[in-house]
Amino acid sequence: MKNPCRVLLADDHAMFAETLCGFLSTKYDVVGLVADGKSLLDAAAKLRPDVAVVDVGMKLPNGLNAGCELKKQYPSIKLVCVTLHSQPAMAAEAFRRGASAFLVKSSTASELLDAIGEALEDRIYISPMVAKEVMLGLLKPRKQRSGGATWLTERQREVLQLLAEGKSMKMIAETLNISARTVQFHKYKMMKILRVRTNSEIVQYAIKHGMLSNRLRHDRT
């Protein structure tokens, strides 16, 4: 009898992750549950799962960067990305970085099983909700946003990239060797220039303009 597929879960929402773990355990062998990007890579090295289900919104580093590094180190592991919001730009970036599937957390449990099944068959799966957003985005005429990254200072670009990579204010301050208040000031100015209002929009902007690093940054302890 063929051994069941080994699945590694990576999600920092404990209740969601535990519920998902219980559901997937009915069909697959859930070999681990972690809550951040670094732990995902450490667990993958030890457990060697067949599939990694990763929340792209995780931190230290974010799930997108961690998933990218995972595929670099272990190309055979299938990467299934999940997210709270249907962001076409995020989905496109996830597939560019080696994901086999991308779906939103509001999807049904059976849809996740479908996504994992497609990934194991070396096929691509995208949630219909996200696919719809992608099509709508393609149909909309492009609009030029006033201002833009060219108007940002070098420091504002650094803050933008680190925020998009899931770093906290404290971590950004430590990385850039500035105060948290200064980080907050640069964030306010940058968001005003780019006309974005939320961290989610910051991530979307950074992805759209190729400002996310493909390398993992080493977080300071």
C-alpha atoms as a PDB file:
ATOM      1  CA  MET A   1       0.000   0.000   0.000  1.00  0.00           C
ATOM      2  CA  LYS A   2       1.359   3.384  -1.004  1.00  0.00           C
ATOM      3  CA  ASN A   3       2.377   5.657   1.862  1.00  0.00           C
ATOM      4  CA  PRO A   4       0.165   8.748   2.275  1.00  0.00           C
ATOM      5  CA  CYS A   5       1.417  12.108   1.107  1.00  0.00           C
ATOM      6  CA  ARG A   6       3.438  13.945   3.775  1.00  0.00           C
ATOM      7  CA  VAL A   7       2.197  17.491   4.379  1.00  0.00           C
ATOM      8  CA  LEU A   8       3.886  20.316   6.290  1.00  0.00           C
ATOM      9  CA  LEU A   9       1.656  23.226   7.391  1.00  0.00           C
ATOM     10  CA  ALA A  10       2.985  26.741   7.926  1.00  0.00           C
ATOM     11  CA  ASP A  11       0.518  29.287   9.298  1.00  0.00           C
ATOM     12  CA  ASP A  12       0.678  31.804  12.156  1.00  0.00           C
ATOM     13  CA  HIS A  13      -3.080  31.749  12.817  1.00  0.00           C
ATOM     14  CA  ALA A  14      -3.176  29.013  15.453  1.00  0.00           C
ATOM     15  CA  MET A  15      -6.913  28.229  15.377  1.00  0.00           C
ATOM     16  CA  PHE A  16      -7.038  28.083  11.575  1.00  0.00           C
ATOM     17  CA  ALA A  17      -3.883  25.982  11.417  1.00  0.00           C
ATOM     18  CA  GLU A  18      -5.066  23.460  14.008  1.00  0.00           C
ATOM     19  CA  THR A  19      -8.442  23.100  12.284  1.00  0.00           C
ATOM     20  CA  LEU A  20      -6.724  22.613   8.939  1.00  0.00           C
ATOM     21  CA  CYS A  21      -4.341  20.094  10.454  1.00  0.00           C
ATOM     22  CA  GLY A  22      -7.243  18.006  11.745  1.00  0.00           C
ATOM     23  CA  PHE A  23      -8.996  18.064   8.392  1.00  0.00           C
ATOM     24  CA  LEU A  24      -5.944  17.177   6.311  1.00  0.00           C
ATOM     25  CA  SER A  25      -5.019  14.375   8.701  1.00  0.00           C
ATOM     26  CA  THR A  26      -8.062  12.431   7.485  1.00  0.00           C
ATOM     27  CA  LYS A  27      -6.378  11.962   4.100  1.00  0.00           C
ATOM     28  CA  TYR A  28      -2.707  12.879   4.427  1.00  0.00           C
ATOM     29  CA  ASP A  29       0.118  12.437   6.890  1.00  0.00           C
ATOM     30  CA  VAL A  30       0.546  15.896   8.446  1.00  0.00           C
ATOM     31  CA  VAL A  31       4.151  15.724   9.612  1.00  0.00           C
ATOM     32  CA  GLY A  32       4.506  19.206  11.108  1.00  0.00           C
ATOM     33  CA  LEU A  33       2.894  22.533  11.944  1.00  0.00           C
ATOM     34  CA  VAL A  34       4.985  25.724  12.136  1.00  0.00           C
ATOM     35  CA  ALA A  35       4.172  29.417  12.522  1.00  0.00           C
ATOM     36  CA  ASP A  36       6.888  31.371  10.668  1.00  0.00           C
ATOM     37  CA  GLY A  37       9.142  31.234   7.639  1.00  0.00           C
ATOM     38  CA  LYS A  38      12.350  30.250   9.403  1.00  0.00           C
ATOM     39  CA  SER A  39      10.626  27.375  11.200  1.00  0.00           C
ATOM     40  CA  LEU A  40       9.218  26.234   7.855  1.00  0.00           C
ATOM     41  CA  LEU A  41      12.692  25.878   6.374  1.00  0.00           C
ATOM     42  CA  ASP A  42      14.066  24.169   9.472  1.00  0.00           C
ATOM     43  CA  ALA A  43      11.146  21.718   9.553  1.00  0.00           C
ATOM     44  CA  ALA A  44      11.408  20.985   5.830  1.00  0.00           C
ATOM     45  CA  ALA A  45      15.070  20.055   6.264  1.00  0.00           C
ATOM     46  CA  LYS A  46      14.213  17.534   8.968  1.00  0.00           C
ATOM     47  CA  LEU A  47      10.858  16.212   7.792  1.00  0.00           C
ATOM     48  CA  ARG A  48      11.202  16.319   3.972  1.00  0.00           C
ATOM     49  CA  PRO A  49       7.467  16.625   3.230  1.00  0.00           C
ATOM     50  CA  ASP A  50       5.919  16.050  -0.181  1.00  0.00           C
ATOM     51  CA  VAL A  51       3.798  19.188   0.099  1.00  0.00           C
ATOM     52  CA  ALA A  52       4.118  22.424   2.060  1.00  0.00           C
ATOM     53  CA  VAL A  53       0.922  24.433   2.636  1.00  0.00           C
ATOM     54  CA  VAL A  54       2.137  27.951   3.388  1.00  0.00           C
ATOM     55  CA  ASP A  55       0.368  31.118   4.500  1.00  0.00           C
ATOM     56  CA  VAL A  56       1.973  33.903   2.460  1.00  0.00           C
ATOM     57  CA  GLY A  57       1.226  36.404   5.241  1.00  0.00           C
ATOM     58  CA  MET A  58       3.567  34.788   7.775  1.00  0.00           C
ATOM     59  CA  LYS A  59       6.577  36.641   9.119  1.00  0.00           C
ATOM     60  CA  LEU A  60      10.262  35.967   9.813  1.00  0.00           C
ATOM     61  CA  PRO A  61      10.464  36.001   6.775  1.00  0.00           C
ATOM     62  CA  ASN A  62       7.088  36.174   5.052  1.00  0.00           C
ATOM     63  CA  GLY A  63       5.566  33.077   3.506  1.00  0.00           C
ATOM     64  CA  LEU A  64       6.293  34.197  -0.030  1.00  0.00           C
ATOM     65  CA  ASN A  65      10.033  34.551   0.527  1.00  0.00           C
ATOM     66  CA  ALA A  66      10.173  31.434   2.699  1.00  0.00           C
ATOM     67  CA  GLY A  67       8.316  29.454   0.034  1.00  0.00           C
ATOM     68  CA  CYS A  68      10.731  30.697  -2.612  1.00  0.00           C
ATOM     69  CA  GLU A  69      13.714  29.589  -0.535  1.00  0.00           C
ATOM     70  CA  LEU A  70      11.991  26.264   0.154  1.00  0.00           C
ATOM     71  CA  LYS A  71      11.702  25.572  -3.587  1.00  0.00           C
ATOM     72  CA  LYS A  72      15.341  26.519  -4.122  1.00  0.00           C
ATOM     73  CA  GLN A  73      16.544  24.115  -1.455  1.00  0.00           C
ATOM     74  CA  TYR A  74      14.022  21.318  -2.105  1.00  0.00           C
ATOM     75  CA  PRO A  75      12.621  21.588  -5.657  1.00  0.00           C
ATOM     76  CA  SER A  76      10.627  18.361  -5.305  1.00  0.00           C
ATOM     77  CA  ILE A  77       8.443  19.738  -2.490  1.00  0.00           C
ATOM     78  CA  LYS A  78       5.143  21.020  -3.856  1.00  0.00           C
ATOM     79  CA  LEU A  79       4.312  24.518  -2.623  1.00  0.00           C
ATOM     80  CA  VAL A  80       0.652  25.361  -1.954  1.00  0.00           C
ATOM     81  CA  CYS A  81       0.124  29.012  -0.998  1.00  0.00           C
ATOM     82  CA  VAL A  82      -2.878  30.264   0.959  1.00  0.00           C
ATOM     83  CA  THR A  83      -3.817  33.852   1.769  1.00  0.00           C
ATOM     84  CA  LEU A  84      -6.553  35.891   3.428  1.00  0.00           C
ATOM     85  CA  HIS A  85      -7.115  38.106   0.394  1.00  0.00           C
ATOM     86  CA  SER A  86      -7.538  37.436  -3.316  1.00  0.00           C
ATOM     87  CA  GLN A  87      -4.595  39.448  -4.650  1.00  0.00           C
ATOM     88  CA  PRO A  88      -3.816  38.774  -8.335  1.00  0.00           C
ATOM     89  CA  ALA A  89      -0.327  40.281  -8.064  1.00  0.00           C
ATOM     90  CA  MET A  90       0.457  38.058  -5.084  1.00  0.00           C
ATOM     91  CA  ALA A  91      -0.773  34.973  -6.945  1.00  0.00           C
ATOM     92  CA  ALA A  92       1.351  35.800  -9.980  1.00  0.00           C
ATOM     93  CA  GLU A  93       4.441  36.300  -7.821  1.00  0.00           C
ATOM     94  CA  ALA A  94       3.819  33.040  -5.946  1.00  0.00           C
ATOM     95  CA  PHE A  95       3.721  31.085  -9.215  1.00  0.00           C
ATOM     96  CA  ARG A  96       6.845  32.856 -10.457  1.00  0.00           C
ATOM     97  CA  ARG A  97       8.576  31.691  -7.283  1.00  0.00           C
ATOM     98  CA  GLY A  98       7.653  28.058  -7.771  1.00  0.00           C
ATOM     99  CA  ALA A  99       4.198  27.595  -6.232  1.00  0.00           C
ATOM    100  CA  SER A 100       1.988  24.840  -7.603  1.00  0.00           C
ATOM    101  CA  ALA A 101      -1.259  26.197  -6.140  1.00  0.00           C
ATOM    102  CA  PHE A 102      -2.681  29.440  -4.771  1.00  0.00           C
ATOM    103  CA  LEU A 103      -5.984  29.795  -2.938  1.00  0.00           C
ATOM    104  CA  VAL A 104      -7.711  32.038  -0.404  1.00  0.00           C
ATOM    105  CA  LYS A 105      -8.510  30.979   3.152  1.00  0.00           C
ATOM    106  CA  SER A 106     -12.221  31.470   2.563  1.00  0.00           C
ATOM    107  CA  SER A 107     -12.119  28.560   0.104  1.00  0.00           C
ATOM    108  CA  THR A 108     -13.785  25.302   1.073  1.00  0.00           C
ATOM    109  CA  ALA A 109     -11.751  22.539   2.683  1.00  0.00           C
ATOM    110  CA  SER A 110     -12.421  20.314  -0.322  1.00  0.00           C
ATOM    111  CA  GLU A 111     -10.840  22.965  -2.558  1.00  0.00           C
ATOM    112  CA  LEU A 112      -7.603  22.681  -0.599  1.00  0.00           C
ATOM    113  CA  LEU A 113      -7.675  18.921  -1.172  1.00  0.00           C
ATOM    114  CA  ASP A 114      -8.153  19.601  -4.892  1.00  0.00           C
ATOM    115  CA  ALA A 115      -5.216  22.026  -4.860  1.00  0.00           C
ATOM    116  CA  ILE A 116      -2.926  19.526  -3.146  1.00  0.00           C
ATOM    117  CA  GLY A 117      -4.064  16.787  -5.517  1.00  0.00           C
ATOM    118  CA  GLU A 118      -3.308  18.933  -8.557  1.00  0.00           C
ATOM    119  CA  ALA A 119       0.097  19.859  -7.145  1.00  0.00           C
ATOM    120  CA  LEU A 120       0.977  16.202  -6.601  1.00  0.00           C
ATOM    121  CA  GLU A 121       0.104  15.535 -10.253  1.00  0.00           C
ATOM    122  CA  ASP A 122       2.479  18.330 -11.335  1.00  0.00           C
ATOM    123  CA  ARG A 123      -0.393  20.575 -12.351  1.00  0.00           C
ATOM    124  CA  ILE A 124      -1.164  24.177 -11.429  1.00  0.00           C
ATOM    125  CA  TYR A 125      -4.163  25.140  -9.331  1.00  0.00           C
ATOM    126  CA  ILE A 126      -5.536  28.637  -8.736  1.00  0.00           C
ATOM    127  CA  SER A 127      -8.613  29.399  -6.665  1.00  0.00           C
ATOM    128  CA  PRO A 128     -11.554  30.494  -8.871  1.00  0.00           C
ATOM    129  CA  MET A 129     -11.932  33.563  -6.665  1.00  0.00           C
ATOM    130  CA  VAL A 130      -8.356  34.618  -7.405  1.00  0.00           C
ATOM    131  CA  ALA A 131      -8.648  33.688 -11.076  1.00  0.00           C
ATOM    132  CA  LYS A 132     -11.641  36.006 -11.353  1.00  0.00           C
ATOM    133  CA  GLU A 133      -9.644  38.870  -9.834  1.00  0.00           C
ATOM    134  CA  VAL A 134      -6.792  38.191 -12.249  1.00  0.00           C
ATOM    135  CA  MET A 135      -9.139  38.396 -15.236  1.00  0.00           C
ATOM    136  CA  LEU A 136     -10.762  41.586 -13.952  1.00  0.00           C
ATOM    137  CA  GLY A 137      -7.342  43.115 -13.517  1.00  0.00           C
ATOM    138  CA  LEU A 138      -6.384  42.235 -17.079  1.00  0.00           C
ATOM    139  CA  LEU A 139      -9.588  43.764 -18.428  1.00  0.00           C
ATOM    140  CA  LYS A 140      -9.132  47.074 -16.612  1.00  0.00           C
ATOM    141  CA  PRO A 141      -7.209  49.821 -18.429  1.00  0.00           C
ATOM    142  CA  ARG A 142      -3.897  50.639 -16.826  1.00  0.00           C
ATOM    143  CA  LYS A 143      -3.911  53.789 -14.753  1.00  0.00           C
ATOM    144  CA  GLN A 144      -0.798  55.726 -13.956  1.00  0.00           C
ATOM    145  CA  ARG A 145      -0.494  56.409 -10.252  1.00  0.00           C
ATOM    146  CA  SER A 146       0.716  59.895  -9.416  1.00  0.00           C
ATOM    147  CA  GLY A 147       4.026  59.960  -7.656  1.00  0.00           C
ATOM    148  CA  GLY A 148       5.407  56.428  -7.332  1.00  0.00           C
ATOM    149  CA  ALA A 149       8.551  54.710  -6.242  1.00  0.00           C
ATOM    150  CA  THR A 150      10.743  57.160  -8.161  1.00  0.00           C
ATOM    151  CA  TRP A 151       9.604  59.873  -5.746  1.00  0.00           C
ATOM    152  CA  LEU A 152      10.617  57.909  -2.673  1.00  0.00           C
ATOM    153  CA  THR A 153      13.873  58.502  -0.861  1.00  0.00           C
ATOM    154  CA  GLU A 154      16.308  55.614  -0.519  1.00  0.00           C
ATOM    155  CA  ARG A 155      15.303  55.206   3.126  1.00  0.00           C
ATOM    156  CA  GLN A 156      11.587  55.154   2.248  1.00  0.00           C
ATOM    157  CA  ARG A 157      12.265  52.426  -0.325  1.00  0.00           C
ATOM    158  CA  GLU A 158      14.073  50.397   2.319  1.00  0.00           C
ATOM    159  CA  VAL A 159      11.155  50.762   4.732  1.00  0.00           C
ATOM    160  CA  LEU A 160       8.686  49.849   1.974  1.00  0.00           C
ATOM    161  CA  GLN A 161      10.580  46.677   1.074  1.00  0.00           C
ATOM    162  CA  LEU A 162      10.984  45.547   4.682  1.00  0.00           C
ATOM    163  CA  LEU A 163       7.302  46.184   5.433  1.00  0.00           C
ATOM    164  CA  ALA A 164       6.332  44.193   2.349  1.00  0.00           C
ATOM    165  CA  GLU A 165       8.564  41.339   3.530  1.00  0.00           C
ATOM    166  CA  GLY A 166       6.591  41.135   6.763  1.00  0.00           C
ATOM    167  CA  LYS A 167       8.995  42.886   9.119  1.00  0.00           C
ATOM    168  CA  SER A 168       7.595  44.619  12.221  1.00  0.00           C
ATOM    169  CA  MET A 169       8.369  48.253  13.081  1.00  0.00           C
ATOM    170  CA  LYS A 170      10.822  47.082  15.729  1.00  0.00           C
ATOM    171  CA  MET A 171      12.593  44.712  13.363  1.00  0.00           C
ATOM    172  CA  ILE A 172      12.862  47.403  10.661  1.00  0.00           C
ATOM    173  CA  ALA A 173      14.303  49.819  13.204  1.00  0.00           C
ATOM    174  CA  GLU A 174      16.924  47.265  14.242  1.00  0.00           C
ATOM    175  CA  THR A 175      17.750  46.334  10.640  1.00  0.00           C
ATOM    176  CA  LEU A 176      18.191  49.963   9.538  1.00  0.00           C
ATOM    177  CA  ASN A 177      19.696  51.088  12.860  1.00  0.00           C
ATOM    178  CA  ILE A 178      17.109  53.828  13.352  1.00  0.00           C
ATOM    179  CA  SER A 179      14.380  54.422  15.919  1.00  0.00           C
ATOM    180  CA  ALA A 180      10.881  52.929  15.635  1.00  0.00           C
ATOM    181  CA  ARG A 181       9.510  56.475  15.570  1.00  0.00           C
ATOM    182  CA  THR A 182      11.659  57.266  12.545  1.00  0.00           C
ATOM    183  CA  VAL A 183      10.388  54.109  10.844  1.00  0.00           C
ATOM    184  CA  GLN A 184       6.817  55.230  11.519  1.00  0.00           C
ATOM    185  CA  PHE A 185       7.601  58.656  10.024  1.00  0.00           C
ATOM    186  CA  HIS A 186       9.043  57.139   6.835  1.00  0.00           C
ATOM    187  CA  LYS A 187       6.111  54.744   6.573  1.00  0.00           C
ATOM    188  CA  TYR A 188       3.613  57.606   6.841  1.00  0.00           C
ATOM    189  CA  LYS A 189       5.407  59.682   4.200  1.00  0.00           C
ATOM    190  CA  MET A 190       5.844  56.714   1.870  1.00  0.00           C
ATOM    191  CA  MET A 191       2.189  55.660   2.122  1.00  0.00           C
ATOM    192  CA  LYS A 192       1.074  59.210   1.457  1.00  0.00           C
ATOM    193  CA  ILE A 193       3.240  59.455  -1.672  1.00  0.00           C
ATOM    194  CA  LEU A 194       2.099  56.093  -3.039  1.00  0.00           C
ATOM    195  CA  ARG A 195      -1.524  56.614  -1.991  1.00  0.00           C
ATOM    196  CA  VAL A 196      -1.752  53.294  -0.204  1.00  0.00           C
ATOM    197  CA  ARG A 197      -3.625  52.887   3.071  1.00  0.00           C
ATOM    198  CA  THR A 198      -2.937  49.396   4.388  1.00  0.00           C
ATOM    199  CA  ASN A 199      -0.059  46.929   4.763  1.00  0.00           C
ATOM    200  CA  SER A 200      -1.819  44.706   2.236  1.00  0.00           C
ATOM    201  CA  GLU A 201      -1.647  47.491  -0.342  1.00  0.00           C
ATOM    202  CA  ILE A 202       2.028  48.003   0.488  1.00  0.00           C
ATOM    203  CA  VAL A 203       2.705  44.340  -0.290  1.00  0.00           C
ATOM    204  CA  GLN A 204       0.755  44.562  -3.544  1.00  0.00           C
ATOM    205  CA  TYR A 205       2.683  47.673  -4.590  1.00  0.00           C
ATOM    206  CA  ALA A 206       6.042  46.085  -3.758  1.00  0.00           C
ATOM    207  CA  ILE A 207       5.200  42.931  -5.745  1.00  0.00           C
ATOM    208  CA  LYS A 208       3.895  44.875  -8.718  1.00  0.00           C
ATOM    209  CA  HIS A 209       7.083  46.927  -8.890  1.00  0.00           C
ATOM    210  CA  GLY A 210       9.517  44.083  -8.208  1.00  0.00           C
ATOM    211  CA  MET A 211      10.614  45.399  -4.821  1.00  0.00           C
ATOM    212  CA  LEU A 212      10.491  42.125  -2.865  1.00  0.00           C
ATOM    213  CA  SER A 213      13.837  40.466  -2.350  1.00  0.00           C
ATOM    214  CA  ASN A 214      14.302  36.975  -3.776  1.00  0.00           C
ATOM    215  CA  ARG A 215      16.807  36.271  -1.026  1.00  0.00           C
ATOM    216  CA  LEU A 216      15.948  35.641   2.576  1.00  0.00           C
ATOM    217  CA  ARG A 217      17.117  38.353   4.886  1.00  0.00           C
ATOM    218  CA  HIS A 218      18.691  37.095   8.088  1.00  0.00           C
ATOM    219  CA  ASP A 219      16.596  38.411  10.938  1.00  0.00           C
ATOM    220  CA  ARG A 220      18.542  39.660  13.920  1.00  0.00           C
ATOM    221  CA  THR A 221      18.106  37.908  17.216  1.00  0.00           C
END
